[in-house]
Amino acid sequence: MHKITVSLGNIDDAIRQIEEYEKKVQEKIKEFLTRLLEDGANIAKAKIMELDAIESSELQDSLQYTLYKEGNKGIIFTDCSHACFVEFGTGVRGSASPHPTMPWAYDSNGHGEDGWYYYDTKQGRVRFTQGMPSRPFMYETARELEQKAVEIAREVFSQ
């Protein structure tokens, strides 16, 4: 609790104290969000491993976070082209193990149980798949951050 004493003789001093307090609060908000973003990116990387969603390190390596200049919001993101397929799943296997929250078009090409072949440019060979189940690494990261947010806020704002 921060107290400011105001009297007719010290209005300018009270204004200065309020401005200093506001600056400290803004710094704490930035620190809190940075901690959430850092923890979130680390949790997401761990979730990829935990959910066995790693064929190469491309998805893990692509995870990033940004704190916007306003300092009151940020985002954890990936620019990996197959991240959404890992998160939501694909094909008949994905429809049997759907994402916890979002509707997603599984097997929109009508492959069904037959699966399909595709050319894997990274491995330079043709591969077969019936799709893959949802491995919601970002969804689970968000749920875990919700649980940690109060603890992190207490640490940051009680300093």
N, C-alpha and C. Protein backbone atom coordinates (compact mmCIF):
# COMPACT_ATOMS: atom_id res chain seq x y z
N MET A 1 0.85 -1.17 0.00
CA MET A 1 0.00 0.00 0.00
C MET A 1 0.90 1.23 0.00
N HIS A 2 0.64 2.10 -0.91
CA HIS A 2 1.42 3.33 -1.04
C HIS A 2 0.56 4.49 -0.56
N LYS A 3 1.10 5.30 0.34
CA LYS A 3 0.33 6.42 0.87
C LYS A 3 0.96 7.74 0.44
N ILE A 4 0.08 8.67 0.12
CA ILE A 4 0.50 10.02 -0.24
C ILE A 4 -0.29 10.97 0.65
N THR A 5 0.44 11.83 1.34
CA THR A 5 -0.21 12.81 2.20
C THR A 5 -0.37 14.11 1.43
N VAL A 6 -1.59 14.62 1.44
CA VAL A 6 -1.88 15.84 0.68
C VAL A 6 -2.40 16.89 1.64
N SER A 7 -1.87 18.09 1.47
CA SER A 7 -2.41 19.25 2.19
C SER A 7 -2.35 20.44 1.24
N LEU A 8 -2.96 21.51 1.61
CA LEU A 8 -2.99 22.68 0.73
C LEU A 8 -1.59 23.18 0.40
N GLY A 9 -0.66 22.96 1.29
CA GLY A 9 0.70 23.45 1.06
C GLY A 9 1.57 22.53 0.22
N ASN A 10 1.15 21.30 -0.03
CA ASN A 10 2.04 20.39 -0.76
C ASN A 10 1.38 19.72 -1.97
N ILE A 11 0.49 20.40 -2.65
CA ILE A 11 -0.19 19.83 -3.83
C ILE A 11 0.82 19.43 -4.90
N ASP A 12 1.80 20.27 -5.18
CA ASP A 12 2.80 19.95 -6.20
C ASP A 12 3.59 18.71 -5.82
N ASP A 13 3.92 18.58 -4.54
CA ASP A 13 4.64 17.41 -4.07
C ASP A 13 3.77 16.16 -4.21
N ALA A 14 2.50 16.28 -3.91
CA ALA A 14 1.58 15.14 -4.04
C ALA A 14 1.47 14.71 -5.51
N ILE A 15 1.39 15.65 -6.41
CA ILE A 15 1.33 15.35 -7.85
C ILE A 15 2.59 14.62 -8.29
N ARG A 16 3.74 15.08 -7.82
CA ARG A 16 5.01 14.43 -8.16
C ARG A 16 5.03 13.00 -7.63
N GLN A 17 4.56 12.79 -6.40
CA GLN A 17 4.53 11.45 -5.82
C GLN A 17 3.59 10.52 -6.60
N ILE A 18 2.47 11.04 -7.01
CA ILE A 18 1.52 10.24 -7.81
C ILE A 18 2.14 9.86 -9.14
N GLU A 19 2.82 10.80 -9.79
CA GLU A 19 3.46 10.52 -11.07
C GLU A 19 4.56 9.46 -10.91
N GLU A 20 5.34 9.55 -9.83
CA GLU A 20 6.38 8.56 -9.56
C GLU A 20 5.76 7.18 -9.30
N TYR A 21 4.68 7.17 -8.55
CA TYR A 21 3.99 5.91 -8.26
C TYR A 21 3.44 5.29 -9.55
N GLU A 22 2.85 6.10 -10.41
CA GLU A 22 2.32 5.61 -11.68
C GLU A 22 3.44 5.00 -12.53
N LYS A 23 4.60 5.64 -12.54
CA LYS A 23 5.73 5.12 -13.30
C LYS A 23 6.17 3.75 -12.74
N LYS A 24 6.21 3.63 -11.41
CA LYS A 24 6.59 2.36 -10.79
C LYS A 24 5.58 1.26 -11.14
N VAL A 25 4.30 1.60 -11.13
CA VAL A 25 3.27 0.62 -11.46
C VAL A 25 3.43 0.17 -12.91
N GLN A 26 3.69 1.09 -13.82
CA GLN A 26 3.88 0.74 -15.23
C GLN A 26 5.11 -0.17 -15.40
N GLU A 27 6.17 0.10 -14.67
CA GLU A 27 7.36 -0.76 -14.72
C GLU A 27 7.05 -2.16 -14.20
N LYS A 28 6.25 -2.24 -13.14
CA LYS A 28 5.86 -3.54 -12.57
C LYS A 28 4.98 -4.31 -13.57
N ILE A 29 4.08 -3.63 -14.23
CA ILE A 29 3.24 -4.29 -15.23
C ILE A 29 4.11 -4.87 -16.35
N LYS A 30 5.07 -4.09 -16.80
CA LYS A 30 5.98 -4.55 -17.85
C LYS A 30 6.78 -5.76 -17.37
N GLU A 31 7.26 -5.72 -16.13
CA GLU A 31 8.02 -6.84 -15.57
C GLU A 31 7.13 -8.08 -15.45
N PHE A 32 5.89 -7.90 -14.99
CA PHE A 32 4.94 -8.99 -14.85
C PHE A 32 4.68 -9.65 -16.20
N LEU A 33 4.38 -8.85 -17.21
CA LEU A 33 4.11 -9.40 -18.54
C LEU A 33 5.34 -10.07 -19.14
N THR A 34 6.50 -9.50 -18.95
CA THR A 34 7.72 -10.12 -19.45
C THR A 34 7.93 -11.48 -18.81
N ARG A 35 7.70 -11.56 -17.51
CA ARG A 35 7.81 -12.86 -16.82
C ARG A 35 6.82 -13.87 -17.38
N LEU A 36 5.57 -13.44 -17.58
CA LEU A 36 4.57 -14.35 -18.15
C LEU A 36 4.98 -14.82 -19.54
N LEU A 37 5.47 -13.90 -20.36
CA LEU A 37 5.87 -14.25 -21.72
C LEU A 37 7.06 -15.21 -21.72
N GLU A 38 8.06 -14.92 -20.90
CA GLU A 38 9.23 -15.80 -20.82
C GLU A 38 8.83 -17.19 -20.33
N ASP A 39 8.05 -17.23 -19.24
CA ASP A 39 7.60 -18.51 -18.71
C ASP A 39 6.75 -19.24 -19.74
N GLY A 40 5.88 -18.51 -20.42
CA GLY A 40 5.01 -19.13 -21.41
C GLY A 40 5.77 -19.75 -22.56
N ALA A 41 6.77 -19.06 -23.07
CA ALA A 41 7.58 -19.61 -24.17
C ALA A 41 8.30 -20.87 -23.70
N ASN A 42 8.82 -20.84 -22.48
CA ASN A 42 9.51 -22.03 -21.94
C ASN A 42 8.54 -23.19 -21.71
N ILE A 43 7.35 -22.88 -21.21
CA ILE A 43 6.34 -23.92 -21.00
C ILE A 43 5.95 -24.54 -22.34
N ALA A 44 5.72 -23.70 -23.35
CA ALA A 44 5.33 -24.20 -24.67
C ALA A 44 6.40 -25.13 -25.24
N LYS A 45 7.65 -24.77 -25.08
CA LYS A 45 8.74 -25.64 -25.56
C LYS A 45 8.73 -26.98 -24.83
N ALA A 46 8.49 -26.93 -23.53
CA ALA A 46 8.43 -28.17 -22.75
C ALA A 46 7.20 -29.00 -23.14
N LYS A 47 6.08 -28.34 -23.42
CA LYS A 47 4.86 -29.05 -23.82
C LYS A 47 5.07 -29.78 -25.14
N ILE A 48 5.80 -29.19 -26.06
CA ILE A 48 6.08 -29.84 -27.34
C ILE A 48 6.78 -31.17 -27.09
N MET A 49 7.74 -31.18 -26.18
CA MET A 49 8.43 -32.42 -25.83
C MET A 49 7.49 -33.38 -25.10
N GLU A 50 6.79 -32.87 -24.11
CA GLU A 50 5.90 -33.69 -23.29
C GLU A 50 4.81 -34.37 -24.13
N LEU A 51 4.29 -33.66 -25.13
CA LEU A 51 3.22 -34.19 -25.98
C LEU A 51 3.77 -34.97 -27.17
N ASP A 52 5.08 -35.20 -27.19
CA ASP A 52 5.73 -35.93 -28.27
C ASP A 52 5.38 -35.32 -29.63
N ALA A 53 5.51 -34.02 -29.71
CA ALA A 53 5.18 -33.29 -30.93
C ALA A 53 6.44 -32.78 -31.62
N ILE A 54 7.51 -33.54 -31.51
CA ILE A 54 8.76 -33.06 -32.06
C ILE A 54 9.33 -34.10 -33.02
N GLU A 55 9.47 -33.70 -34.26
CA GLU A 55 10.15 -34.54 -35.24
C GLU A 55 11.51 -33.91 -35.55
N SER A 56 11.53 -32.60 -35.47
CA SER A 56 12.77 -31.85 -35.57
C SER A 56 12.63 -30.72 -34.56
N SER A 57 13.63 -29.92 -34.41
CA SER A 57 13.54 -28.83 -33.43
C SER A 57 12.92 -27.57 -34.03
N GLU A 58 12.44 -27.65 -35.25
CA GLU A 58 11.92 -26.46 -35.93
C GLU A 58 10.81 -25.76 -35.15
N LEU A 59 9.83 -26.51 -34.68
CA LEU A 59 8.71 -25.91 -33.95
C LEU A 59 9.19 -25.27 -32.65
N GLN A 60 9.98 -26.00 -31.87
CA GLN A 60 10.50 -25.44 -30.62
C GLN A 60 11.35 -24.19 -30.87
N ASP A 61 12.22 -24.28 -31.85
CA ASP A 61 13.12 -23.16 -32.13
C ASP A 61 12.38 -21.91 -32.62
N SER A 62 11.18 -22.11 -33.18
CA SER A 62 10.44 -20.99 -33.74
C SER A 62 9.62 -20.22 -32.70
N LEU A 63 9.48 -20.77 -31.50
CA LEU A 63 8.68 -20.09 -30.48
C LEU A 63 9.36 -18.81 -30.02
N GLN A 64 8.59 -17.73 -30.01
CA GLN A 64 9.11 -16.41 -29.64
C GLN A 64 8.04 -15.68 -28.82
N TYR A 65 8.44 -14.58 -28.24
CA TYR A 65 7.46 -13.71 -27.60
C TYR A 65 7.84 -12.27 -27.85
N THR A 66 6.83 -11.41 -27.80
CA THR A 66 7.03 -9.98 -27.98
C THR A 66 6.21 -9.23 -26.94
N LEU A 67 6.82 -8.29 -26.28
CA LEU A 67 6.11 -7.37 -25.40
C LEU A 67 5.92 -6.10 -26.22
N TYR A 68 4.69 -5.69 -26.41
CA TYR A 68 4.42 -4.51 -27.23
C TYR A 68 4.90 -3.24 -26.54
N LYS A 69 5.20 -2.23 -27.32
CA LYS A 69 5.78 -0.99 -26.79
C LYS A 69 4.93 -0.34 -25.72
N GLU A 70 3.60 -0.48 -25.85
CA GLU A 70 2.72 0.11 -24.84
C GLU A 70 3.01 -0.51 -23.47
N GLY A 71 3.58 -1.71 -23.48
CA GLY A 71 3.98 -2.36 -22.23
C GLY A 71 2.83 -3.01 -21.47
N ASN A 72 1.63 -3.02 -22.05
CA ASN A 72 0.52 -3.61 -21.32
C ASN A 72 -0.05 -4.85 -22.01
N LYS A 73 0.66 -5.35 -23.03
CA LYS A 73 0.26 -6.61 -23.65
C LYS A 73 1.42 -7.20 -24.43
N GLY A 74 1.33 -8.49 -24.63
CA GLY A 74 2.37 -9.20 -25.36
C GLY A 74 1.79 -10.44 -25.99
N ILE A 75 2.61 -11.16 -26.74
CA ILE A 75 2.14 -12.35 -27.44
C ILE A 75 3.27 -13.38 -27.50
N ILE A 76 2.89 -14.64 -27.34
CA ILE A 76 3.79 -15.77 -27.58
C ILE A 76 3.36 -16.34 -28.91
N PHE A 77 4.30 -16.56 -29.82
CA PHE A 77 3.91 -16.97 -31.16
C PHE A 77 4.97 -17.85 -31.81
N THR A 78 4.57 -18.45 -32.92
CA THR A 78 5.47 -19.22 -33.75
C THR A 78 5.17 -18.90 -35.20
N ASP A 79 6.19 -18.92 -36.02
CA ASP A 79 5.97 -18.76 -37.46
C ASP A 79 6.24 -20.09 -38.18
N CYS A 80 6.25 -21.17 -37.44
CA CYS A 80 6.48 -22.49 -38.00
C CYS A 80 5.24 -22.91 -38.80
N SER A 81 5.44 -23.33 -40.04
CA SER A 81 4.32 -23.62 -40.94
C SER A 81 3.46 -24.79 -40.49
N HIS A 82 3.97 -25.70 -39.70
CA HIS A 82 3.15 -26.84 -39.29
C HIS A 82 2.65 -26.75 -37.84
N ALA A 83 2.82 -25.61 -37.19
CA ALA A 83 2.41 -25.46 -35.79
C ALA A 83 0.91 -25.69 -35.61
N CYS A 84 0.08 -25.16 -36.51
CA CYS A 84 -1.37 -25.33 -36.34
C CYS A 84 -1.77 -26.79 -36.51
N PHE A 85 -1.06 -27.55 -37.35
CA PHE A 85 -1.38 -28.97 -37.53
C PHE A 85 -1.01 -29.77 -36.28
N VAL A 86 0.05 -29.36 -35.60
CA VAL A 86 0.42 -30.00 -34.33
C VAL A 86 -0.62 -29.65 -33.27
N GLU A 87 -0.96 -28.38 -33.17
CA GLU A 87 -1.92 -27.92 -32.16
C GLU A 87 -3.29 -28.57 -32.33
N PHE A 88 -3.80 -28.60 -33.55
CA PHE A 88 -5.17 -29.04 -33.78
C PHE A 88 -5.30 -30.47 -34.30
N GLY A 89 -4.22 -31.04 -34.82
CA GLY A 89 -4.27 -32.38 -35.38
C GLY A 89 -4.74 -32.36 -36.83
N THR A 90 -4.65 -33.52 -37.48
CA THR A 90 -5.05 -33.63 -38.88
C THR A 90 -5.68 -34.99 -39.14
N GLY A 91 -6.45 -35.06 -40.18
CA GLY A 91 -6.98 -36.32 -40.69
C GLY A 91 -7.83 -37.10 -39.70
N VAL A 92 -7.97 -38.40 -40.00
CA VAL A 92 -8.82 -39.27 -39.19
C VAL A 92 -8.28 -39.40 -37.76
N ARG A 93 -6.98 -39.37 -37.60
CA ARG A 93 -6.40 -39.43 -36.24
C ARG A 93 -6.72 -38.16 -35.45
N GLY A 94 -6.67 -37.04 -36.13
CA GLY A 94 -7.02 -35.78 -35.46
C GLY A 94 -8.48 -35.73 -35.05
N SER A 95 -9.37 -36.23 -35.91
CA SER A 95 -10.79 -36.21 -35.56
C SER A 95 -11.10 -37.15 -34.40
N ALA A 96 -10.27 -38.17 -34.22
CA ALA A 96 -10.45 -39.09 -33.08
C ALA A 96 -9.87 -38.50 -31.79
N SER A 97 -9.03 -37.48 -31.91
CA SER A 97 -8.40 -36.83 -30.76
C SER A 97 -8.40 -35.32 -31.01
N PRO A 98 -9.60 -34.69 -31.01
CA PRO A 98 -9.69 -33.28 -31.39
C PRO A 98 -9.14 -32.32 -30.35
N HIS A 99 -8.93 -31.09 -30.78
CA HIS A 99 -8.47 -30.01 -29.91
C HIS A 99 -9.53 -29.75 -28.83
N PRO A 100 -9.10 -29.39 -27.62
CA PRO A 100 -10.04 -29.21 -26.51
C PRO A 100 -11.06 -28.08 -26.70
N THR A 101 -10.76 -27.07 -27.53
CA THR A 101 -11.67 -25.93 -27.55
C THR A 101 -12.17 -25.50 -28.91
N MET A 102 -11.44 -25.77 -29.95
CA MET A 102 -11.77 -25.15 -31.23
C MET A 102 -12.29 -26.16 -32.24
N PRO A 103 -13.32 -25.77 -32.98
CA PRO A 103 -13.71 -26.63 -34.09
C PRO A 103 -12.62 -26.56 -35.17
N TRP A 104 -12.38 -27.65 -35.80
CA TRP A 104 -11.30 -27.73 -36.78
C TRP A 104 -11.74 -28.70 -37.86
N ALA A 105 -11.48 -28.41 -39.10
CA ALA A 105 -11.90 -29.27 -40.21
C ALA A 105 -10.91 -30.43 -40.34
N TYR A 106 -11.32 -31.61 -39.90
CA TYR A 106 -10.48 -32.79 -39.99
C TYR A 106 -10.81 -33.54 -41.27
N ASP A 107 -9.78 -33.99 -41.97
CA ASP A 107 -9.93 -34.82 -43.15
C ASP A 107 -10.83 -34.17 -44.20
N SER A 108 -10.59 -32.91 -44.47
CA SER A 108 -11.44 -32.20 -45.42
C SER A 108 -11.28 -32.70 -46.85
N ASN A 109 -10.26 -33.48 -47.14
CA ASN A 109 -10.06 -34.00 -48.49
C ASN A 109 -10.67 -35.38 -48.68
N GLY A 110 -11.39 -35.89 -47.70
CA GLY A 110 -12.09 -37.16 -47.83
C GLY A 110 -11.20 -38.38 -47.83
N HIS A 111 -10.03 -38.31 -47.22
CA HIS A 111 -9.12 -39.46 -47.20
C HIS A 111 -9.62 -40.58 -46.29
N GLY A 112 -10.29 -40.23 -45.20
CA GLY A 112 -10.82 -41.23 -44.28
C GLY A 112 -9.74 -42.14 -43.74
N GLU A 113 -10.09 -43.40 -43.53
CA GLU A 113 -9.17 -44.39 -42.98
C GLU A 113 -8.03 -44.73 -43.94
N ASP A 114 -8.22 -44.41 -45.22
CA ASP A 114 -7.21 -44.76 -46.22
C ASP A 114 -5.91 -43.99 -46.06
N GLY A 115 -5.99 -42.81 -45.47
CA GLY A 115 -4.80 -41.97 -45.34
C GLY A 115 -4.36 -41.41 -46.68
N TRP A 116 -3.15 -40.88 -46.73
CA TRP A 116 -2.65 -40.29 -47.97
C TRP A 116 -1.13 -40.26 -47.96
N TYR A 117 -0.60 -40.14 -49.14
CA TYR A 117 0.84 -40.02 -49.33
C TYR A 117 1.17 -38.56 -49.60
N TYR A 118 2.34 -38.15 -49.18
CA TYR A 118 2.80 -36.79 -49.47
C TYR A 118 4.32 -36.80 -49.56
N TYR A 119 4.82 -35.79 -50.23
CA TYR A 119 6.26 -35.67 -50.38
C TYR A 119 6.81 -34.80 -49.26
N ASP A 120 7.71 -35.33 -48.50
CA ASP A 120 8.35 -34.62 -47.40
C ASP A 120 9.61 -33.96 -47.94
N THR A 121 9.55 -32.67 -48.17
CA THR A 121 10.68 -31.95 -48.77
C THR A 121 11.90 -31.94 -47.86
N LYS A 122 11.70 -31.95 -46.55
CA LYS A 122 12.84 -31.92 -45.63
C LYS A 122 13.60 -33.25 -45.64
N GLN A 123 12.86 -34.35 -45.77
CA GLN A 123 13.51 -35.66 -45.80
C GLN A 123 13.76 -36.15 -47.22
N GLY A 124 13.18 -35.46 -48.19
CA GLY A 124 13.40 -35.82 -49.59
C GLY A 124 12.82 -37.18 -49.96
N ARG A 125 11.65 -37.50 -49.39
CA ARG A 125 11.05 -38.79 -49.70
C ARG A 125 9.53 -38.71 -49.55
N VAL A 126 8.85 -39.71 -50.10
CA VAL A 126 7.41 -39.81 -49.99
C VAL A 126 7.08 -40.49 -48.66
N ARG A 127 6.07 -39.95 -47.99
CA ARG A 127 5.64 -40.51 -46.71
C ARG A 127 4.14 -40.77 -46.74
N PHE A 128 3.68 -41.64 -45.85
CA PHE A 128 2.27 -41.97 -45.72
C PHE A 128 1.78 -41.52 -44.35
N THR A 129 0.52 -41.05 -44.28
CA THR A 129 -0.07 -40.68 -43.00
C THR A 129 -1.58 -40.87 -43.02
N GLN A 130 -2.12 -41.08 -41.84
CA GLN A 130 -3.57 -41.01 -41.63
C GLN A 130 -3.87 -39.78 -40.77
N GLY A 131 -2.91 -38.88 -40.74
CA GLY A 131 -3.04 -37.68 -39.93
C GLY A 131 -2.36 -37.85 -38.58
N MET A 132 -2.63 -36.92 -37.71
CA MET A 132 -2.05 -37.00 -36.37
C MET A 132 -3.02 -36.40 -35.37
N PRO A 133 -2.97 -36.88 -34.13
CA PRO A 133 -3.87 -36.34 -33.11
C PRO A 133 -3.48 -34.92 -32.72
N SER A 134 -4.43 -34.23 -32.13
CA SER A 134 -4.15 -32.90 -31.60
C SER A 134 -3.15 -33.02 -30.46
N ARG A 135 -2.13 -32.18 -30.50
CA ARG A 135 -1.17 -32.05 -29.40
C ARG A 135 -1.14 -30.58 -29.03
N PRO A 136 -2.13 -30.15 -28.23
CA PRO A 136 -2.39 -28.72 -28.00
C PRO A 136 -1.38 -28.04 -27.07
N PHE A 137 -0.18 -27.87 -27.57
CA PHE A 137 0.89 -27.30 -26.73
C PHE A 137 0.60 -25.87 -26.32
N MET A 138 -0.02 -25.06 -27.19
CA MET A 138 -0.32 -23.67 -26.83
C MET A 138 -1.52 -23.60 -25.89
N TYR A 139 -2.52 -24.41 -26.13
CA TYR A 139 -3.69 -24.46 -25.24
C TYR A 139 -3.24 -24.83 -23.82
N GLU A 140 -2.44 -25.88 -23.71
CA GLU A 140 -1.96 -26.29 -22.39
C GLU A 140 -1.04 -25.26 -21.76
N THR A 141 -0.27 -24.55 -22.57
CA THR A 141 0.57 -23.46 -22.06
C THR A 141 -0.30 -22.37 -21.46
N ALA A 142 -1.36 -21.99 -22.15
CA ALA A 142 -2.26 -20.95 -21.65
C ALA A 142 -2.89 -21.37 -20.33
N ARG A 143 -3.33 -22.63 -20.22
CA ARG A 143 -3.94 -23.11 -18.97
C ARG A 143 -2.92 -23.05 -17.83
N GLU A 144 -1.68 -23.46 -18.11
CA GLU A 144 -0.66 -23.44 -17.06
C GLU A 144 -0.31 -22.01 -16.65
N LEU A 145 -0.24 -21.11 -17.62
CA LEU A 145 0.04 -19.70 -17.29
C LEU A 145 -1.07 -19.08 -16.46
N GLU A 146 -2.31 -19.46 -16.73
CA GLU A 146 -3.43 -18.97 -15.91
C GLU A 146 -3.21 -19.35 -14.44
N GLN A 147 -2.70 -20.54 -14.22
CA GLN A 147 -2.46 -21.00 -12.85
C GLN A 147 -1.28 -20.25 -12.21
N LYS A 148 -0.28 -19.90 -13.00
CA LYS A 148 0.93 -19.26 -12.47
C LYS A 148 0.81 -17.74 -12.36
N ALA A 149 -0.16 -17.14 -13.02
CA ALA A 149 -0.24 -15.67 -13.13
C ALA A 149 -0.34 -15.00 -11.76
N VAL A 150 -1.16 -15.53 -10.89
CA VAL A 150 -1.34 -14.91 -9.56
C VAL A 150 -0.04 -14.98 -8.78
N GLU A 151 0.63 -16.13 -8.83
CA GLU A 151 1.90 -16.29 -8.12
C GLU A 151 2.95 -15.30 -8.65
N ILE A 152 3.04 -15.19 -9.95
CA ILE A 152 4.01 -14.26 -10.55
C ILE A 152 3.65 -12.82 -10.19
N ALA A 153 2.37 -12.48 -10.24
CA ALA A 153 1.94 -11.13 -9.88
C ALA A 153 2.31 -10.80 -8.43
N ARG A 154 2.12 -11.76 -7.54
CA ARG A 154 2.49 -11.54 -6.13
C ARG A 154 3.98 -11.27 -5.99
N GLU A 155 4.79 -12.06 -6.71
CA GLU A 155 6.24 -11.87 -6.65
C GLU A 155 6.64 -10.49 -7.16
N VAL A 156 6.08 -10.10 -8.29
CA VAL A 156 6.48 -8.84 -8.93
C VAL A 156 5.97 -7.63 -8.17
N PHE A 157 4.70 -7.63 -7.81
CA PHE A 157 4.10 -6.43 -7.21
C PHE A 157 4.36 -6.29 -5.73
N SER A 158 4.92 -7.33 -5.09
CA SER A 158 5.22 -7.20 -3.66
C SER A 158 6.66 -6.72 -3.42
N GLN A 159 7.43 -6.59 -4.47
CA GLN A 159 8.83 -6.15 -4.33
C GLN A 159 8.90 -4.67 -4.03
